Amino acid sequence: MRYHNLLFDLDGTLVDPKIGITQSIQYALAKLDLSIPAMKELEWCIGPPLQHSFAKLVDPSLIERALEYYREQYVKIGCFEHRVYPGIFEMLSIFCKSKIRLFIATSKPTLFAEKIADHFGLSPFFEKIYGSEMNGVRSDKADLLRYIQEKSALRGPSLMVGDRGIDMAAAVENQIEPLGVAYGYGSQKELLDAGAVHICNFPMEIIQWLGS
């Protein structure tokens, strides 16, 4: 393998979080007595920091309350309404037989990311799960990747695997090679415009591309 470290986004890359995230947003909007978009109309919220999404959905004065209501639903129900994409376990098992260091790098709060990874059996594959703080610190993906590089003392070439342009752009900013996946929630154009060096259509294709 030409990379020493692989960093994986969580939502849209390892797991499909559509139901958990969109229904938790709907719950928060309902609690605020606001109009509720359909799940399909909220897919754009999957990937970016939640604070940024609510900034486009509610009045600035309501963002903190919206986050509280979202988390009220998400911690009890939403974080379990995910599914692991087909091929993920097979892919991670192959990587674990190599000497590559594996990390989860998500804008989601670490508390939720760890809960999801534990519940769906992903945790054993990763050296560490990195996310943001509940107050929003390190929800910016570039800041998060910089933090991971420092805290885990990454050495040698690194690869960031993600489904959104923010993953690719953050990797470029931190001199990490960006690899896009097309089965998540970002378009190929979004990924390529943000700097993706290649796009894989399914998890096992990541193995094939790395071995090419």
Protein backbone atom coordinates (compact mmCIF):
# COMPACT_ATOMS: atom_id res chain seq x y z
CA MET A 1 0.00 0.00 0.00
CA ARG A 2 1.34 3.42 -0.91
CA TYR A 3 -0.32 5.08 2.09
CA HIS A 4 0.62 4.70 5.74
CA ASN A 5 -2.58 6.25 7.14
CA LEU A 6 -6.20 6.05 5.97
CA LEU A 7 -8.75 8.49 7.35
CA PHE A 8 -12.41 7.70 6.70
CA ASP A 9 -15.34 10.05 6.92
CA LEU A 10 -18.28 8.40 8.71
CA ASP A 11 -21.61 9.65 7.32
CA GLY A 12 -21.98 8.85 3.62
CA THR A 13 -18.71 6.91 3.56
CA LEU A 14 -18.92 4.11 6.12
CA VAL A 15 -22.59 4.36 7.03
CA ASP A 16 -25.74 5.71 5.39
CA PRO A 17 -27.20 8.08 8.01
CA LYS A 18 -30.11 9.45 5.97
CA ILE A 19 -32.98 8.36 8.19
CA GLY A 20 -31.28 9.18 11.49
CA ILE A 21 -30.09 12.64 10.49
CA THR A 22 -33.06 13.84 8.45
CA GLN A 23 -35.70 12.64 10.92
CA SER A 24 -33.80 14.21 13.81
CA ILE A 25 -33.75 17.51 11.92
CA GLN A 26 -37.47 17.15 11.26
CA TYR A 27 -37.99 16.53 14.98
CA ALA A 28 -36.07 19.71 15.88
CA LEU A 29 -38.02 21.81 13.39
CA ALA A 30 -41.31 20.41 14.69
CA LYS A 31 -40.34 21.29 18.26
CA LEU A 32 -39.73 24.85 17.04
CA ASP A 33 -43.12 24.92 15.27
CA LEU A 34 -41.45 25.45 11.90
CA SER A 35 -42.32 23.97 8.52
CA ILE A 36 -40.83 20.51 8.01
CA PRO A 37 -39.18 19.65 4.67
CA ALA A 38 -39.39 16.10 3.35
CA MET A 39 -36.47 13.76 4.08
CA LYS A 40 -35.28 14.01 0.46
CA GLU A 41 -35.14 17.79 0.75
CA LEU A 42 -32.80 17.51 3.76
CA GLU A 43 -30.15 15.27 2.20
CA TRP A 44 -27.91 18.30 1.67
CA CYS A 45 -27.54 18.42 5.47
CA ILE A 46 -25.64 15.12 5.48
CA GLY A 47 -21.93 15.90 5.68
CA PRO A 48 -21.51 19.55 6.66
CA PRO A 49 -21.37 20.52 10.36
CA LEU A 50 -24.89 20.57 11.74
CA GLN A 51 -24.52 24.17 12.94
CA HIS A 52 -24.03 25.23 9.31
CA SER A 53 -27.11 23.32 8.19
CA PHE A 54 -29.36 24.79 10.87
CA ALA A 55 -28.04 28.25 10.00
CA LYS A 56 -29.81 27.79 6.64
CA LEU A 57 -32.96 26.29 8.14
CA VAL A 58 -33.78 28.49 11.11
CA ASP A 59 -33.37 32.04 12.37
CA PRO A 60 -29.91 32.63 13.90
CA SER A 61 -31.51 33.07 17.31
CA LEU A 62 -32.90 29.53 17.12
CA ILE A 63 -29.78 27.61 16.10
CA GLU A 64 -28.77 26.57 19.61
CA ARG A 65 -32.29 25.41 20.48
CA ALA A 66 -32.49 23.52 17.19
CA LEU A 67 -29.23 21.74 18.02
CA GLU A 68 -30.53 20.81 21.47
CA TYR A 69 -33.75 19.36 20.06
CA TYR A 70 -31.85 17.53 17.30
CA ARG A 71 -29.51 15.92 19.81
CA GLU A 72 -32.43 15.04 22.08
CA GLN A 73 -33.81 12.85 19.28
CA TYR A 74 -30.51 11.75 17.77
CA VAL A 75 -28.91 10.39 20.94
CA LYS A 76 -31.98 8.26 21.76
CA ILE A 77 -33.04 7.10 18.30
CA GLY A 78 -31.37 8.78 15.35
CA CYS A 79 -27.83 7.48 15.78
CA PHE A 80 -29.14 3.91 15.59
CA GLU A 81 -31.12 4.58 12.38
CA HIS A 82 -28.10 4.11 10.14
CA ARG A 83 -26.91 1.24 7.98
CA VAL A 84 -23.39 0.18 7.12
CA TYR A 85 -22.82 0.30 3.36
CA PRO A 86 -22.41 -3.11 1.66
CA GLY A 87 -18.74 -4.05 1.36
CA ILE A 88 -17.48 -1.88 4.21
CA PHE A 89 -16.68 -4.74 6.60
CA GLU A 90 -14.94 -6.70 3.85
CA MET A 91 -12.87 -3.66 2.89
CA LEU A 92 -11.87 -2.83 6.46
CA SER A 93 -10.96 -6.46 7.17
CA ILE A 94 -8.48 -6.38 4.29
CA PHE A 95 -6.95 -3.13 5.48
CA CYS A 96 -6.58 -4.51 8.99
CA LYS A 97 -4.36 -7.28 7.67
CA SER A 98 -1.90 -4.65 6.45
CA LYS A 99 0.20 -2.23 8.48
CA ILE A 100 -1.93 0.77 7.54
CA ARG A 101 -3.22 2.91 10.41
CA LEU A 102 -6.98 3.44 10.19
CA PHE A 103 -8.91 6.37 11.65
CA ILE A 104 -12.44 7.76 11.50
CA ALA A 105 -12.44 11.52 10.86
CA THR A 106 -15.92 13.04 11.12
CA SER A 107 -17.39 16.47 11.79
CA LYS A 108 -19.98 14.70 13.95
CA PRO A 109 -19.37 15.00 17.73
CA THR A 110 -17.01 12.27 18.91
CA LEU A 111 -19.61 11.14 21.45
CA PHE A 112 -22.07 10.26 18.67
CA ALA A 113 -19.42 8.89 16.30
CA GLU A 114 -18.17 6.46 18.94
CA LYS A 115 -21.73 5.39 19.81
CA ILE A 116 -22.46 4.66 16.14
CA ALA A 117 -19.17 2.86 15.52
CA ASP A 118 -19.66 0.72 18.62
CA HIS A 119 -23.27 -0.12 17.82
CA PHE A 120 -22.58 -1.16 14.24
CA GLY A 121 -19.35 -3.06 14.96
CA LEU A 122 -16.97 -0.64 13.26
CA SER A 123 -14.85 0.37 16.25
CA PRO A 124 -12.49 -2.65 16.28
CA PHE A 125 -11.19 -1.74 12.83
CA PHE A 126 -9.94 1.70 13.82
CA GLU A 127 -7.02 2.90 15.89
CA LYS A 128 -9.03 5.93 17.00
CA ILE A 129 -12.26 7.76 16.23
CA TYR A 130 -11.91 11.51 15.88
CA GLY A 131 -14.83 13.94 15.79
CA SER A 132 -15.79 17.38 17.00
CA GLU A 133 -16.63 18.60 20.49
CA MET A 134 -20.26 19.22 21.44
CA ASN A 135 -19.59 22.97 21.41
CA GLY A 136 -18.54 22.82 17.75
CA VAL A 137 -14.76 22.83 18.24
CA ARG A 138 -13.14 20.92 15.34
CA SER A 139 -16.40 20.64 13.41
CA ASP A 140 -14.46 22.30 10.60
CA LYS A 141 -12.98 19.33 8.72
CA ALA A 142 -9.67 21.04 7.96
CA ASP A 143 -9.17 21.81 11.66
CA LEU A 144 -10.06 18.23 12.52
CA LEU A 145 -7.54 16.72 10.09
CA ARG A 146 -4.84 19.04 11.40
CA TYR A 147 -5.67 17.91 14.93
CA ILE A 148 -5.50 14.23 13.95
CA GLN A 149 -2.11 14.70 12.32
CA GLU A 150 -0.78 16.22 15.52
CA LYS A 151 -2.45 13.97 18.11
CA SER A 152 -1.76 10.68 16.34
CA ALA A 153 1.64 11.75 15.01
CA LEU A 154 0.87 10.66 11.46
CA ARG A 155 3.98 9.77 9.49
CA GLY A 156 4.23 9.02 5.80
CA PRO A 157 1.58 9.49 3.09
CA SER A 158 -2.04 9.78 4.23
CA LEU A 159 -5.33 9.36 2.37
CA MET A 160 -8.69 10.92 3.26
CA VAL A 161 -11.74 8.97 2.03
CA GLY A 162 -15.01 10.88 1.96
CA ASP A 163 -18.21 11.56 0.06
CA ARG A 164 -18.41 15.36 0.21
CA GLY A 165 -16.41 18.25 -1.15
CA ILE A 166 -15.60 19.44 2.37
CA ASP A 167 -13.71 16.18 2.96
CA MET A 168 -11.66 16.67 -0.20
CA ALA A 169 -10.93 20.35 0.40
CA ALA A 170 -9.90 19.72 4.02
CA ALA A 171 -7.52 16.98 2.90
CA VAL A 172 -5.93 19.21 0.27
CA GLU A 173 -5.44 21.96 2.86
CA ASN A 174 -3.57 19.51 5.09
CA GLN A 175 -1.45 17.91 2.35
CA ILE A 176 -3.45 14.67 2.59
CA GLU A 177 -4.45 12.92 -0.62
CA PRO A 178 -8.24 13.12 -1.16
CA LEU A 179 -10.21 10.12 -2.46
CA GLY A 180 -13.91 10.55 -3.17
CA VAL A 181 -16.67 7.93 -2.99
CA ALA A 182 -19.68 8.23 -5.27
CA TYR A 183 -22.09 6.07 -3.26
CA GLY A 184 -22.60 8.73 -0.56
CA TYR A 185 -24.24 12.16 -0.76
CA GLY A 186 -21.84 14.29 -2.77
CA SER A 187 -21.88 14.48 -6.56
CA GLN A 188 -18.85 13.54 -8.65
CA LYS A 189 -18.58 17.17 -9.73
CA GLU A 190 -18.57 18.33 -6.11
CA LEU A 191 -15.80 15.86 -5.26
CA LEU A 192 -13.64 16.60 -8.31
CA ASP A 193 -14.04 20.37 -7.99
CA ALA A 194 -12.83 20.10 -4.38
CA GLY A 195 -9.69 18.21 -5.41
CA ALA A 196 -10.46 14.47 -5.40
CA VAL A 197 -7.67 12.56 -7.15
CA HIS A 198 -10.05 9.70 -7.96
CA ILE A 199 -13.62 8.61 -7.26
CA CYS A 200 -14.64 5.08 -6.26
CA ASN A 201 -18.14 3.79 -6.87
CA PHE A 202 -18.24 1.15 -4.12
CA PRO A 203 -16.11 0.29 -1.06
CA MET A 204 -14.14 -2.62 -2.51
CA GLU A 205 -13.11 -0.39 -5.41
CA ILE A 206 -11.04 1.54 -2.84
CA ILE A 207 -8.97 -1.61 -2.33
CA GLN A 208 -8.63 -2.06 -6.08
CA TRP A 209 -7.56 1.54 -6.63
CA LEU A 210 -4.99 1.42 -3.82
CA GLY A 211 -3.55 -1.77 -5.26
CA SER A 212 -3.31 -0.42 -8.81
